[in-house]
Amino acid sequence: MKKLIKWFDEAPLLIKIVFALPALDIVWVVYRIFRSYLKNNMLGVVLGVILVIVGIPWLWLVDIITLLLNGKVIWFND
């Protein structure tokens, strides 16, 4: 799990943006769940699971914008 998080953090920006496209954005939700789990943040895990279930339709757009501005997706436990 740590290797996966590290890979996503170090991936080129183009790959990160491709994973943020509407059909693939679930990858970033799983990334958020794993990252919260590794930091022992159960609130983050629960919110990540809710994002999987609800599938917030505009999250992919937020992810692309934050990737372009910051180079990483936004999550409250960064």
N, C-alpha and C. Protein backbone atom coordinates (compact mmCIF):
# COMPACT_ATOMS: atom_id res chain seq x y z
N MET A 1 0.82 -1.18 0.00
CA MET A 1 0.00 0.00 0.00
C MET A 1 0.88 1.26 0.00
N LYS A 2 1.95 1.24 0.76
CA LYS A 2 2.85 2.39 0.80
C LYS A 2 3.51 2.62 -0.56
N LYS A 3 3.83 1.52 -1.26
CA LYS A 3 4.44 1.65 -2.58
C LYS A 3 3.47 2.27 -3.57
N LEU A 4 2.21 1.91 -3.45
CA LEU A 4 1.19 2.47 -4.34
C LEU A 4 1.03 3.97 -4.10
N ILE A 5 0.98 4.37 -2.85
CA ILE A 5 0.87 5.79 -2.51
C ILE A 5 2.09 6.55 -3.03
N LYS A 6 3.27 5.96 -2.83
CA LYS A 6 4.50 6.61 -3.29
C LYS A 6 4.51 6.73 -4.81
N TRP A 7 4.04 5.69 -5.50
CA TRP A 7 4.00 5.72 -6.96
C TRP A 7 3.08 6.85 -7.44
N PHE A 8 1.90 6.96 -6.84
CA PHE A 8 0.98 8.02 -7.23
C PHE A 8 1.55 9.40 -6.93
N ASP A 9 2.24 9.55 -5.82
CA ASP A 9 2.84 10.84 -5.48
C ASP A 9 3.94 11.23 -6.45
N GLU A 10 4.67 10.25 -6.97
CA GLU A 10 5.81 10.52 -7.85
C GLU A 10 5.50 10.38 -9.34
N ALA A 11 4.27 10.01 -9.67
CA ALA A 11 3.90 9.82 -11.07
C ALA A 11 3.95 11.16 -11.82
N PRO A 12 4.22 11.11 -13.13
CA PRO A 12 4.20 12.34 -13.93
C PRO A 12 2.80 12.97 -13.93
N LEU A 13 2.77 14.26 -14.10
CA LEU A 13 1.51 15.00 -14.04
C LEU A 13 0.51 14.51 -15.07
N LEU A 14 0.96 14.16 -16.26
CA LEU A 14 0.05 13.69 -17.30
C LEU A 14 -0.67 12.41 -16.87
N ILE A 15 0.03 11.49 -16.25
CA ILE A 15 -0.60 10.26 -15.76
C ILE A 15 -1.59 10.57 -14.66
N LYS A 16 -1.24 11.49 -13.78
CA LYS A 16 -2.17 11.88 -12.71
C LYS A 16 -3.45 12.46 -13.28
N ILE A 17 -3.33 13.28 -14.30
CA ILE A 17 -4.51 13.88 -14.91
C ILE A 17 -5.36 12.83 -15.62
N VAL A 18 -4.72 11.87 -16.27
CA VAL A 18 -5.47 10.79 -16.93
C VAL A 18 -6.28 10.02 -15.89
N PHE A 19 -5.70 9.75 -14.74
CA PHE A 19 -6.42 9.05 -13.68
C PHE A 19 -7.53 9.90 -13.07
N ALA A 20 -7.53 11.20 -13.33
CA ALA A 20 -8.56 12.09 -12.79
C ALA A 20 -9.74 12.24 -13.74
N LEU A 21 -9.69 11.66 -14.91
CA LEU A 21 -10.80 11.75 -15.85
C LEU A 21 -12.03 11.05 -15.27
N PRO A 22 -13.22 11.46 -15.71
CA PRO A 22 -14.46 10.98 -15.06
C PRO A 22 -14.57 9.48 -14.84
N ALA A 23 -14.24 8.66 -15.79
CA ALA A 23 -14.40 7.22 -15.62
C ALA A 23 -13.32 6.61 -14.72
N LEU A 24 -12.18 7.25 -14.62
CA LEU A 24 -11.05 6.70 -13.86
C LEU A 24 -10.84 7.37 -12.50
N ASP A 25 -11.65 8.33 -12.15
CA ASP A 25 -11.43 9.10 -10.93
C ASP A 25 -11.56 8.23 -9.67
N ILE A 26 -12.13 7.08 -9.78
CA ILE A 26 -12.23 6.16 -8.64
C ILE A 26 -10.84 5.83 -8.11
N VAL A 27 -9.84 5.87 -8.98
CA VAL A 27 -8.46 5.60 -8.57
C VAL A 27 -8.02 6.59 -7.50
N TRP A 28 -8.37 7.87 -7.68
CA TRP A 28 -7.98 8.88 -6.70
C TRP A 28 -8.76 8.74 -5.40
N VAL A 29 -9.98 8.26 -5.47
CA VAL A 29 -10.75 8.02 -4.24
C VAL A 29 -10.10 6.89 -3.45
N VAL A 30 -9.70 5.83 -4.13
CA VAL A 30 -9.01 4.72 -3.46
C VAL A 30 -7.68 5.20 -2.89
N TYR A 31 -6.97 6.06 -3.62
CA TYR A 31 -5.73 6.65 -3.13
C TYR A 31 -5.99 7.40 -1.82
N ARG A 32 -7.06 8.17 -1.78
CA ARG A 32 -7.39 8.91 -0.56
C ARG A 32 -7.69 7.97 0.61
N ILE A 33 -8.41 6.89 0.33
CA ILE A 33 -8.73 5.92 1.39
C ILE A 33 -7.44 5.30 1.92
N PHE A 34 -6.57 4.83 1.05
CA PHE A 34 -5.32 4.21 1.47
C PHE A 34 -4.44 5.19 2.25
N ARG A 35 -4.37 6.42 1.75
CA ARG A 35 -3.54 7.42 2.42
C ARG A 35 -4.07 7.73 3.83
N SER A 36 -5.38 7.83 3.95
CA SER A 36 -5.97 8.07 5.28
C SER A 36 -5.74 6.87 6.19
N TYR A 37 -5.85 5.68 5.64
CA TYR A 37 -5.63 4.47 6.45
C TYR A 37 -4.19 4.43 6.96
N LEU A 38 -3.23 4.75 6.11
CA LEU A 38 -1.83 4.73 6.53
C LEU A 38 -1.53 5.78 7.59
N LYS A 39 -2.29 6.86 7.60
CA LYS A 39 -2.11 7.90 8.61
C LYS A 39 -3.01 7.68 9.83
N ASN A 40 -3.67 6.52 9.89
CA ASN A 40 -4.59 6.18 10.98
C ASN A 40 -5.69 7.22 11.15
N ASN A 41 -6.18 7.74 10.03
CA ASN A 41 -7.23 8.73 10.04
C ASN A 41 -8.53 8.04 9.61
N MET A 42 -9.29 7.56 10.56
CA MET A 42 -10.51 6.82 10.25
C MET A 42 -11.59 7.71 9.64
N LEU A 43 -11.61 8.98 10.00
CA LEU A 43 -12.57 9.89 9.39
C LEU A 43 -12.31 9.99 7.89
N GLY A 44 -11.06 10.07 7.49
CA GLY A 44 -10.71 10.10 6.08
C GLY A 44 -11.10 8.82 5.36
N VAL A 45 -10.93 7.68 6.02
CA VAL A 45 -11.33 6.40 5.43
C VAL A 45 -12.83 6.37 5.21
N VAL A 46 -13.58 6.78 6.22
CA VAL A 46 -15.04 6.78 6.12
C VAL A 46 -15.50 7.74 5.02
N LEU A 47 -14.93 8.93 4.98
CA LEU A 47 -15.30 9.88 3.93
C LEU A 47 -14.93 9.35 2.54
N GLY A 48 -13.81 8.66 2.44
CA GLY A 48 -13.43 8.05 1.17
C GLY A 48 -14.41 6.99 0.72
N VAL A 49 -14.86 6.17 1.66
CA VAL A 49 -15.85 5.14 1.33
C VAL A 49 -17.16 5.79 0.90
N ILE A 50 -17.53 6.87 1.56
CA ILE A 50 -18.74 7.60 1.17
C ILE A 50 -18.59 8.15 -0.25
N LEU A 51 -17.39 8.65 -0.58
CA LEU A 51 -17.15 9.13 -1.94
C LEU A 51 -17.29 8.01 -2.96
N VAL A 52 -16.87 6.81 -2.61
CA VAL A 52 -17.02 5.67 -3.53
C VAL A 52 -18.49 5.37 -3.74
N ILE A 53 -19.27 5.38 -2.66
CA ILE A 53 -20.69 5.03 -2.75
C ILE A 53 -21.48 6.11 -3.47
N VAL A 54 -21.26 7.37 -3.08
CA VAL A 54 -22.00 8.48 -3.67
C VAL A 54 -21.47 8.81 -5.05
N GLY A 55 -20.16 8.70 -5.22
CA GLY A 55 -19.55 8.95 -6.51
C GLY A 55 -19.70 10.39 -6.98
N ILE A 56 -19.54 11.32 -6.10
CA ILE A 56 -19.74 12.73 -6.39
C ILE A 56 -19.33 13.06 -7.83
N PRO A 57 -20.29 13.48 -8.65
CA PRO A 57 -20.03 13.64 -10.09
C PRO A 57 -19.05 14.75 -10.46
N TRP A 58 -18.82 15.69 -9.61
CA TRP A 58 -17.91 16.79 -9.94
C TRP A 58 -16.53 16.64 -9.33
N LEU A 59 -16.29 15.57 -8.62
CA LEU A 59 -15.00 15.36 -7.97
C LEU A 59 -13.86 15.28 -8.98
N TRP A 60 -14.10 14.70 -10.14
CA TRP A 60 -13.06 14.58 -11.16
C TRP A 60 -12.57 15.96 -11.60
N LEU A 61 -13.49 16.92 -11.69
CA LEU A 61 -13.11 18.27 -12.09
C LEU A 61 -12.26 18.95 -11.01
N VAL A 62 -12.63 18.75 -9.77
CA VAL A 62 -11.84 19.29 -8.65
C VAL A 62 -10.45 18.67 -8.66
N ASP A 63 -10.37 17.37 -8.90
CA ASP A 63 -9.08 16.69 -8.94
C ASP A 63 -8.19 17.23 -10.05
N ILE A 64 -8.74 17.44 -11.23
CA ILE A 64 -7.94 17.96 -12.34
C ILE A 64 -7.45 19.37 -12.03
N ILE A 65 -8.31 20.20 -11.48
CA ILE A 65 -7.90 21.57 -11.15
C ILE A 65 -6.81 21.57 -10.10
N THR A 66 -6.96 20.78 -9.03
CA THR A 66 -5.93 20.77 -7.99
C THR A 66 -4.64 20.13 -8.48
N LEU A 67 -4.73 19.18 -9.39
CA LEU A 67 -3.52 18.60 -9.97
C LEU A 67 -2.77 19.64 -10.80
N LEU A 68 -3.50 20.42 -11.56
CA LEU A 68 -2.85 21.44 -12.38
C LEU A 68 -2.24 22.55 -11.51
N LEU A 69 -2.90 22.90 -10.42
CA LEU A 69 -2.41 23.98 -9.56
C LEU A 69 -1.34 23.53 -8.58
N ASN A 70 -1.53 22.34 -7.97
CA ASN A 70 -0.64 21.90 -6.90
C ASN A 70 0.18 20.66 -7.22
N GLY A 71 -0.19 19.94 -8.27
CA GLY A 71 0.51 18.71 -8.60
C GLY A 71 0.06 17.51 -7.79
N LYS A 72 -0.99 17.68 -6.98
CA LYS A 72 -1.54 16.56 -6.21
C LYS A 72 -3.01 16.80 -5.96
N VAL A 73 -3.73 15.73 -5.67
CA VAL A 73 -5.16 15.88 -5.37
C VAL A 73 -5.32 16.41 -3.96
N ILE A 74 -6.41 17.09 -3.75
CA ILE A 74 -6.65 17.70 -2.45
C ILE A 74 -7.36 16.71 -1.53
N TRP A 75 -6.92 16.67 -0.29
CA TRP A 75 -7.54 15.85 0.74
C TRP A 75 -7.22 16.50 2.07
N PHE A 76 -8.12 16.43 2.99
CA PHE A 76 -8.00 17.22 4.21
C PHE A 76 -6.89 16.74 5.16
N ASN A 77 -6.31 15.59 4.97
CA ASN A 77 -5.25 15.14 5.90
C ASN A 77 -3.86 15.24 5.30
N ASP A 78 -3.67 16.14 4.34
CA ASP A 78 -2.34 16.34 3.75
C ASP A 78 -1.42 17.07 4.68
